[in-house]
Amino acid sequence: MPGCRIADFLALVDQLPGTRHDHERYWRFEVSGRTFGYLWEPTRTVGLKQTIAEQLALVGERPEVFEVQFTSGGFGWVVVHLEGLERDELAELTFEAWRLTAPPTLVEARADELPI
């Protein structure tokens, strides 16, 4: 099957420092007590924090892959259909969601090193 799998997303998140997750009805991913992503296994989708401009650009360019989830505090969350992405693109989106949420010390320490 083309695109990404749930295991790809979990492997990417595990590479980001300070990340924790919990799992009940869905997975929630956080850094320093602030959420940056969600995973819904039954639908093979993730929700990721982005800027509002990026949210609109992603949904506008590929509505079959991205959906508006919600906006909050100046951020636009997107629903990402994993099967519509390659791993490198998922890595960029996941890293950006983490970077928008992580404290400056973690962001500075990580620099621009994407998970692989």
Protein backbone atom coordinates (compact mmCIF):
# COMPACT_ATOMS: atom_id res chain seq x y z
CA MET A 1 0.00 0.00 0.00
CA PRO A 2 1.45 3.40 -0.90
CA GLY A 3 1.85 6.11 1.66
CA CYS A 4 2.52 5.88 5.37
CA ARG A 5 1.48 3.46 8.05
CA ILE A 6 0.66 4.07 11.69
CA ALA A 7 4.04 2.54 12.57
CA ASP A 8 5.78 5.23 10.48
CA PHE A 9 4.13 8.01 12.46
CA LEU A 10 4.90 6.38 15.81
CA ALA A 11 8.55 5.89 14.81
CA LEU A 12 8.87 9.55 13.82
CA VAL A 13 7.34 10.81 17.08
CA ASP A 14 9.60 8.55 19.14
CA GLN A 15 12.64 10.37 17.72
CA LEU A 16 11.57 13.78 19.04
CA PRO A 17 12.91 14.74 22.47
CA GLY A 18 10.59 15.28 25.40
CA THR A 19 7.65 13.59 23.70
CA ARG A 20 5.08 11.64 25.68
CA HIS A 21 1.85 10.01 24.66
CA ASP A 22 -1.21 8.41 26.10
CA HIS A 23 -3.71 6.06 24.56
CA GLU A 24 -7.36 5.63 25.35
CA ARG A 25 -9.91 6.08 22.56
CA TYR A 26 -7.11 7.69 20.51
CA TRP A 27 -3.43 8.49 20.93
CA ARG A 28 -2.46 11.99 22.13
CA PHE A 29 1.11 13.24 21.74
CA GLU A 30 2.57 16.03 23.81
CA VAL A 31 5.79 17.77 24.67
CA SER A 32 6.20 19.59 28.00
CA GLY A 33 2.54 19.03 28.80
CA ARG A 34 1.26 20.60 25.56
CA THR A 35 -0.40 18.58 22.80
CA PHE A 36 0.98 18.64 19.26
CA GLY A 37 -0.70 15.64 17.68
CA TYR A 38 -3.33 12.92 17.76
CA LEU A 39 -3.60 9.50 16.14
CA TRP A 40 -6.87 7.71 15.34
CA GLU A 41 -6.04 4.10 14.50
CA PRO A 42 -9.44 3.07 13.05
CA THR A 43 -9.31 5.82 10.39
CA ARG A 44 -5.51 5.77 9.88
CA THR A 45 -5.40 9.54 10.39
CA VAL A 46 -3.36 11.90 12.53
CA GLY A 47 -4.17 15.40 13.69
CA LEU A 48 -1.22 17.77 13.70
CA LYS A 49 -0.73 21.33 14.90
CA GLN A 50 0.32 23.74 12.15
CA THR A 51 0.17 27.46 11.54
CA ILE A 52 -3.15 28.66 10.15
CA ALA A 53 -1.44 29.62 6.88
CA GLU A 54 0.02 26.11 6.55
CA GLN A 55 -3.30 24.50 7.45
CA LEU A 56 -5.06 26.43 4.67
CA ALA A 57 -2.29 25.74 2.15
CA LEU A 58 -2.28 21.99 2.83
CA VAL A 59 -6.06 21.64 2.64
CA GLY A 60 -6.23 23.85 -0.45
CA GLU A 61 -3.54 21.92 -2.32
CA ARG A 62 -4.61 18.36 -1.45
CA PRO A 63 -8.07 18.11 0.10
CA GLU A 64 -8.04 14.34 -0.45
CA VAL A 65 -5.13 14.08 2.03
CA PHE A 66 -5.69 16.98 4.43
CA GLU A 67 -8.79 18.27 6.25
CA VAL A 68 -9.30 21.23 8.54
CA GLN A 69 -9.62 19.86 12.05
CA PHE A 70 -9.96 23.07 14.09
CA THR A 71 -8.20 26.33 14.90
CA SER A 72 -7.08 27.32 18.36
CA GLY A 73 -4.87 30.08 19.70
CA GLY A 74 -3.56 31.12 16.30
CA PHE A 75 -2.86 27.56 15.16
CA GLY A 76 -4.64 25.50 12.55
CA TRP A 77 -4.86 21.78 13.18
CA VAL A 78 -5.07 19.44 10.21
CA VAL A 79 -6.32 15.89 9.84
CA VAL A 80 -3.79 13.94 7.78
CA HIS A 81 -4.76 10.75 5.92
CA LEU A 82 -1.59 8.67 6.29
CA GLU A 83 -2.03 6.73 3.06
CA GLY A 84 -1.77 9.99 1.11
CA LEU A 85 1.75 10.91 2.26
CA GLU A 86 5.27 9.69 1.83
CA ARG A 87 7.30 9.30 5.02
CA ASP A 88 9.54 12.33 4.39
CA GLU A 89 6.50 14.62 4.14
CA LEU A 90 4.99 13.11 7.28
CA ALA A 91 8.33 13.68 9.03
CA GLU A 92 8.27 17.38 8.10
CA LEU A 93 4.68 17.86 9.28
CA THR A 94 5.27 15.96 12.52
CA PHE A 95 8.47 17.87 13.24
CA GLU A 96 6.76 21.20 12.58
CA ALA A 97 3.89 20.31 14.94
CA TRP A 98 6.42 19.35 17.62
CA ARG A 99 8.52 22.50 17.01
CA LEU A 100 5.46 24.77 17.29
CA THR A 101 4.77 23.22 20.71
CA ALA A 102 8.11 22.36 22.33
CA PRO A 103 9.89 24.78 24.67
CA PRO A 104 12.67 26.85 23.09
CA THR A 105 15.44 24.87 24.82
CA LEU A 106 14.31 21.61 23.17
CA VAL A 107 13.81 23.30 19.81
CA GLU A 108 17.27 24.89 19.95
CA ALA A 109 18.89 21.61 20.97
CA ARG A 110 17.20 19.74 18.11
CA ALA A 111 17.89 22.54 15.57
CA ASP A 112 16.48 21.64 12.15
CA GLU A 113 17.14 17.90 12.40
CA LEU A 114 14.08 16.14 11.05
CA PRO A 115 13.18 12.70 12.31
CA ILE A 116 13.89 10.01 9.71
